[in-house]
Amino acid sequence: MPLLFSYGTLQQKGVQVANFGRELSGISDTLQGYVVGEIEIRDERVLRESGKAKHPILQFTGNMKDEVHGTVFEVTESELAQADDYEVEDYKRISVRSKSGAQCWIYAESKSAEYAGSCLCGAVRFEVSGAFDSFYLCHCRYCQKDTGSAHAANLFSQSARIKWQSGEEAVSSFTLPGTRHTKSFCKFCGSAMPSIALAGMLVVPAGCLDTNAALVPTAHICTSSKADWSLELGHVPQFEGLPELQGAR
């Protein structure tokens, strides 16, 4: 069942009964990378059910030292849809991982997220305003080829907007003939860059962001194409820096 992190009026029993027809049971948890702001609500139904004109709203900071305490509730898919109806347009539902490790939905300020990014050589710089809808790790053969790695890591949004700070003219794109597979990149250093090739969709490679995005992947996809050598990576030794090479002097 879906998990819903509540930090505001959905923790009130009266609001739960009005929206779901029952009281919810939950556990205390913490969300990192956000702070709580405040907005004024004008929706008559929300005002009536909550009894408050001022409502808290999550605002993204990307600073993992910022923490918001709340409650994680287990809800049904239909109750999640009812929660969508309760929240006004200032809020956007996105999936994040809580401090305890729970993958849950939150309602955050729809225009609060600000991300900065750049290419490796610094010729291209950009800002993204808005929230991401999903974060997929794609293991298809196309993504393995154009990243030279086990998978691509891309953030998707239908509402976020990108503003190029510099180097927009240095961004080139390649679309594999006969497919929808597209990659945008800096023509100087080859770094993967954001793309709007898919109609109504902004796709941002996670690795090109300079802002610490407090998001975890939504899912691994196309796992039937996983590279054989990537199946047991959990058992591979890890080094915080470069390992010492045998024979190096």
Protein backbone atom coordinates (compact mmCIF):
# COMPACT_ATOMS: atom_id res chain seq x y z
CA MET A 1 0.00 0.00 0.00
CA PRO A 2 1.19 3.58 -0.64
CA LEU A 3 2.80 5.52 2.19
CA LEU A 4 1.92 9.18 2.74
CA PHE A 5 4.10 11.51 4.82
CA SER A 6 1.99 14.18 6.54
CA TYR A 7 3.40 17.23 8.28
CA GLY A 8 0.26 19.38 8.35
CA THR A 9 -3.52 19.20 8.55
CA LEU A 10 -3.81 15.62 7.27
CA GLN A 11 -2.53 14.61 10.71
CA GLN A 12 -5.80 15.93 12.17
CA LYS A 13 -8.33 13.17 12.88
CA GLY A 14 -11.21 15.34 11.70
CA VAL A 15 -9.55 15.94 8.32
CA GLN A 16 -8.84 12.21 7.97
CA VAL A 17 -12.47 11.26 8.65
CA ALA A 18 -13.77 13.98 6.31
CA ASN A 19 -11.56 12.81 3.45
CA PHE A 20 -11.14 9.07 4.00
CA GLY A 21 -14.09 8.12 6.18
CA ARG A 22 -11.74 6.72 8.82
CA GLU A 23 -8.94 7.64 11.19
CA LEU A 24 -5.48 6.70 9.96
CA SER A 25 -2.77 5.01 11.97
CA GLY A 26 0.82 6.02 11.36
CA ILE A 27 4.34 6.22 12.71
CA SER A 28 6.52 9.25 13.38
CA ASP A 29 9.19 9.95 10.78
CA THR A 30 11.39 12.77 9.45
CA LEU A 31 11.91 14.30 6.01
CA GLN A 32 15.30 15.73 5.12
CA GLY A 33 16.12 18.49 2.64
CA TYR A 34 12.96 20.50 3.25
CA VAL A 35 11.68 23.25 5.54
CA VAL A 36 8.09 24.17 6.36
CA GLY A 37 6.71 27.44 5.05
CA GLU A 38 3.18 28.80 5.19
CA ILE A 39 0.46 29.66 2.67
CA GLU A 40 -3.01 31.15 2.98
CA ILE A 41 -5.81 28.83 1.88
CA ARG A 42 -8.92 30.20 0.15
CA ASP A 43 -10.60 26.94 -0.83
CA GLU A 44 -13.87 26.85 1.15
CA ARG A 45 -13.95 23.05 1.55
CA VAL A 46 -10.39 22.89 2.86
CA LEU A 47 -11.09 25.82 5.20
CA ARG A 48 -14.19 24.09 6.52
CA GLU A 49 -12.52 20.70 7.07
CA SER A 50 -9.26 21.99 8.56
CA GLY A 51 -10.62 25.04 10.41
CA LYS A 52 -7.46 26.92 9.42
CA ALA A 53 -6.70 29.64 6.87
CA LYS A 54 -2.94 29.31 7.22
CA HIS A 55 -1.53 25.95 6.18
CA PRO A 56 2.04 24.63 6.35
CA ILE A 57 3.76 23.77 3.07
CA LEU A 58 7.00 21.91 2.37
CA GLN A 59 9.68 23.94 0.60
CA PHE A 60 12.69 22.19 -0.91
CA THR A 61 16.17 23.33 0.18
CA GLY A 62 18.37 20.38 -0.76
CA ASN A 63 20.21 20.77 2.56
CA MET A 64 20.07 17.42 4.35
CA LYS A 65 20.53 19.22 7.68
CA ASP A 66 17.04 20.72 7.22
CA GLU A 67 14.48 18.36 8.73
CA VAL A 68 10.69 18.26 8.96
CA HIS A 69 9.01 15.99 11.50
CA GLY A 70 5.71 14.35 10.68
CA THR A 71 3.82 11.09 10.39
CA VAL A 72 3.88 8.35 7.75
CA PHE A 73 0.44 6.86 7.09
CA GLU A 74 -0.41 3.74 5.11
CA VAL A 75 -3.25 4.56 2.70
CA THR A 76 -5.03 2.92 -0.20
CA GLU A 77 -4.71 4.06 -3.81
CA SER A 78 -8.22 5.54 -3.66
CA GLU A 79 -7.38 7.40 -0.44
CA LEU A 80 -4.26 8.78 -2.11
CA ALA A 81 -6.48 10.10 -4.92
CA GLN A 82 -8.77 11.65 -2.28
CA ALA A 83 -5.74 13.32 -0.69
CA ASP A 84 -4.92 14.78 -4.12
CA ASP A 85 -8.41 16.30 -4.21
CA TYR A 86 -7.99 17.76 -0.73
CA GLU A 87 -4.72 19.56 -1.49
CA VAL A 88 -5.01 22.84 -3.39
CA GLU A 89 -2.99 23.67 -6.53
CA ASP A 90 -0.15 25.20 -4.49
CA TYR A 91 0.86 21.65 -3.55
CA LYS A 92 2.38 18.95 -5.74
CA ARG A 93 2.64 15.27 -4.82
CA ILE A 94 6.12 13.76 -5.27
CA SER A 95 7.84 10.56 -4.14
CA VAL A 96 10.78 10.78 -1.71
CA ARG A 97 12.56 8.63 0.85
CA SER A 98 12.14 9.59 4.51
CA LYS A 99 14.95 9.56 7.05
CA SER A 100 13.88 6.09 8.22
CA GLY A 101 14.21 4.80 4.65
CA ALA A 102 10.50 4.63 3.83
CA GLN A 103 9.57 5.45 0.24
CA CYS A 104 6.58 7.75 0.60
CA TRP A 105 4.55 10.46 -1.06
CA ILE A 106 4.70 14.06 0.13
CA TYR A 107 2.83 17.22 -0.78
CA ALA A 108 5.36 19.99 -1.36
CA GLU A 109 5.20 23.51 -2.75
CA SER A 110 4.70 23.09 -6.48
CA LYS A 111 7.05 25.94 -7.33
CA SER A 112 9.56 25.64 -4.55
CA ALA A 113 12.20 23.35 -6.00
CA GLU A 114 15.18 25.12 -7.53
CA TYR A 115 18.05 23.12 -8.98
CA ALA A 116 21.29 24.29 -10.55
CA GLY A 117 23.34 22.22 -12.96
CA SER A 118 26.26 22.37 -15.35
CA CYS A 119 28.42 20.33 -17.69
CA LEU A 120 31.90 19.03 -16.87
CA CYS A 121 33.79 21.80 -18.66
CA GLY A 122 31.51 24.56 -17.32
CA ALA A 123 30.46 25.89 -20.71
CA VAL A 124 26.80 25.00 -20.06
CA ARG A 125 24.96 26.14 -16.94
CA PHE A 126 21.25 25.99 -16.20
CA GLU A 127 18.58 26.22 -13.51
CA VAL A 128 15.45 24.10 -13.13
CA SER A 129 12.40 25.49 -11.32
CA GLY A 130 9.72 23.09 -10.17
CA ALA A 131 9.35 19.57 -8.85
CA PHE A 132 10.32 16.30 -10.48
CA ASP A 133 7.60 13.69 -10.97
CA SER A 134 9.81 10.63 -11.14
CA PHE A 135 13.42 9.44 -11.07
CA TYR A 136 14.22 6.32 -13.08
CA LEU A 137 17.35 4.20 -13.41
CA CYS A 138 17.12 2.72 -16.91
CA HIS A 139 19.06 -0.43 -17.75
CA CYS A 140 18.10 -0.66 -21.43
CA ARG A 141 20.89 -1.30 -23.95
CA TYR A 142 20.49 2.20 -25.41
CA CYS A 143 21.14 3.84 -22.04
CA GLN A 144 24.08 1.53 -21.37
CA LYS A 145 25.60 2.54 -24.70
CA ASP A 146 25.19 6.30 -24.37
CA THR A 147 26.33 6.43 -20.73
CA GLY A 148 29.06 3.78 -20.99
CA SER A 149 27.78 2.47 -17.67
CA ALA A 150 25.27 0.07 -16.11
CA HIS A 151 22.30 2.42 -16.44
CA ALA A 152 21.12 5.96 -17.01
CA ALA A 153 19.78 8.03 -14.09
CA ASN A 154 17.19 10.54 -15.27
CA LEU A 155 14.70 12.85 -13.55
CA PHE A 156 11.39 13.55 -15.28
CA SER A 157 8.94 16.45 -14.92
CA GLN A 158 5.89 17.64 -16.83
CA SER A 159 5.71 20.95 -14.96
CA ALA A 160 9.29 22.04 -14.15
CA ARG A 161 10.91 24.70 -16.32
CA ILE A 162 14.52 25.05 -17.39
CA LYS A 163 16.42 28.31 -17.78
CA TRP A 164 19.77 28.22 -19.51
CA GLN A 165 22.26 30.45 -17.72
CA SER A 166 25.02 30.01 -20.32
CA GLY A 167 26.04 27.77 -23.18
CA GLU A 168 22.62 26.80 -24.54
CA GLU A 169 24.11 26.96 -28.03
CA ALA A 170 26.70 24.35 -26.94
CA VAL A 171 24.01 21.74 -26.27
CA SER A 172 23.63 19.20 -29.08
CA SER A 173 21.20 16.30 -29.32
CA PHE A 174 21.17 12.87 -30.91
CA THR A 175 18.08 10.74 -31.54
CA LEU A 176 18.60 7.11 -32.44
CA PRO A 177 16.82 6.58 -35.79
CA GLY A 178 13.58 4.65 -35.50
CA THR A 179 13.34 5.16 -31.73
CA ARG A 180 12.42 7.79 -29.14
CA HIS A 181 15.82 7.43 -27.50
CA THR A 182 17.38 10.89 -27.33
CA LYS A 183 20.45 12.24 -25.63
CA SER A 184 21.40 15.90 -25.19
CA PHE A 185 25.02 16.71 -24.42
CA CYS A 186 27.62 19.46 -24.30
CA LYS A 187 29.41 19.48 -27.64
CA PHE A 188 32.69 20.43 -25.95
CA CYS A 189 32.99 17.88 -23.12
CA GLY A 190 30.23 15.39 -23.93
CA SER A 191 28.45 15.72 -20.58
CA ALA A 192 24.81 14.59 -20.59
CA MET A 193 22.49 17.61 -20.47
CA PRO A 194 18.73 18.20 -19.94
CA SER A 195 16.41 17.49 -22.84
CA ILE A 196 12.92 18.57 -23.88
CA ALA A 197 12.79 16.30 -26.93
CA LEU A 198 9.79 14.42 -25.49
CA ALA A 199 6.70 16.60 -25.89
CA GLY A 200 5.67 18.17 -22.59
CA MET A 201 8.45 16.43 -20.66
CA LEU A 202 11.70 17.76 -19.21
CA VAL A 203 14.33 15.05 -18.76
CA VAL A 204 17.33 15.89 -16.57
CA PRO A 205 20.30 13.55 -16.09
CA ALA A 206 20.75 13.38 -12.32
CA GLY A 207 24.53 13.55 -12.53
CA CYS A 208 24.56 16.99 -14.17
CA LEU A 209 22.88 18.64 -11.16
CA ASP A 210 25.08 20.70 -8.84
CA THR A 211 22.28 21.07 -6.28
CA ASN A 212 21.90 18.20 -3.84
CA ALA A 213 18.49 16.78 -4.81
CA ALA A 214 16.84 15.11 -1.80
CA LEU A 215 15.27 12.47 -4.03
CA VAL A 216 15.73 8.74 -4.37
CA PRO A 217 15.03 6.73 -7.53
CA THR A 218 11.41 5.83 -8.15
CA ALA A 219 12.38 2.53 -9.75
CA HIS A 220 14.87 0.53 -11.79
CA ILE A 221 13.40 0.00 -15.28
CA CYS A 222 14.22 -2.25 -18.24
CA THR A 223 15.91 -4.60 -15.79
CA SER A 224 15.65 -7.51 -18.25
CA SER A 225 18.55 -5.81 -20.07
CA LYS A 226 20.76 -5.41 -17.01
CA ALA A 227 24.46 -5.84 -17.70
CA ASP A 228 25.65 -9.17 -16.29
CA TRP A 229 28.57 -7.52 -14.50
CA SER A 230 26.18 -5.20 -12.58
CA LEU A 231 24.12 -7.92 -10.91
CA GLU A 232 26.29 -8.39 -7.81
CA LEU A 233 27.60 -4.88 -7.19
CA GLY A 234 26.57 -4.97 -3.54
CA HIS A 235 29.47 -7.32 -2.82
CA VAL A 236 32.13 -5.25 -4.58
CA PRO A 237 34.67 -3.48 -2.29
CA GLN A 238 34.18 0.27 -1.85
CA PHE A 239 36.80 3.03 -1.52
CA GLU A 240 36.12 6.64 -0.50
CA GLY A 241 38.89 7.76 -2.84
CA LEU A 242 41.10 6.14 -5.47
CA PRO A 243 42.47 2.68 -4.65
CA GLU A 244 46.18 2.04 -4.70
CA LEU A 245 47.13 0.48 -8.02
CA GLN A 246 49.27 -2.62 -7.94
CA GLY A 247 52.76 -1.91 -9.24
CA ALA A 248 52.37 1.86 -8.89
CA ARG A 249 55.40 3.67 -7.50
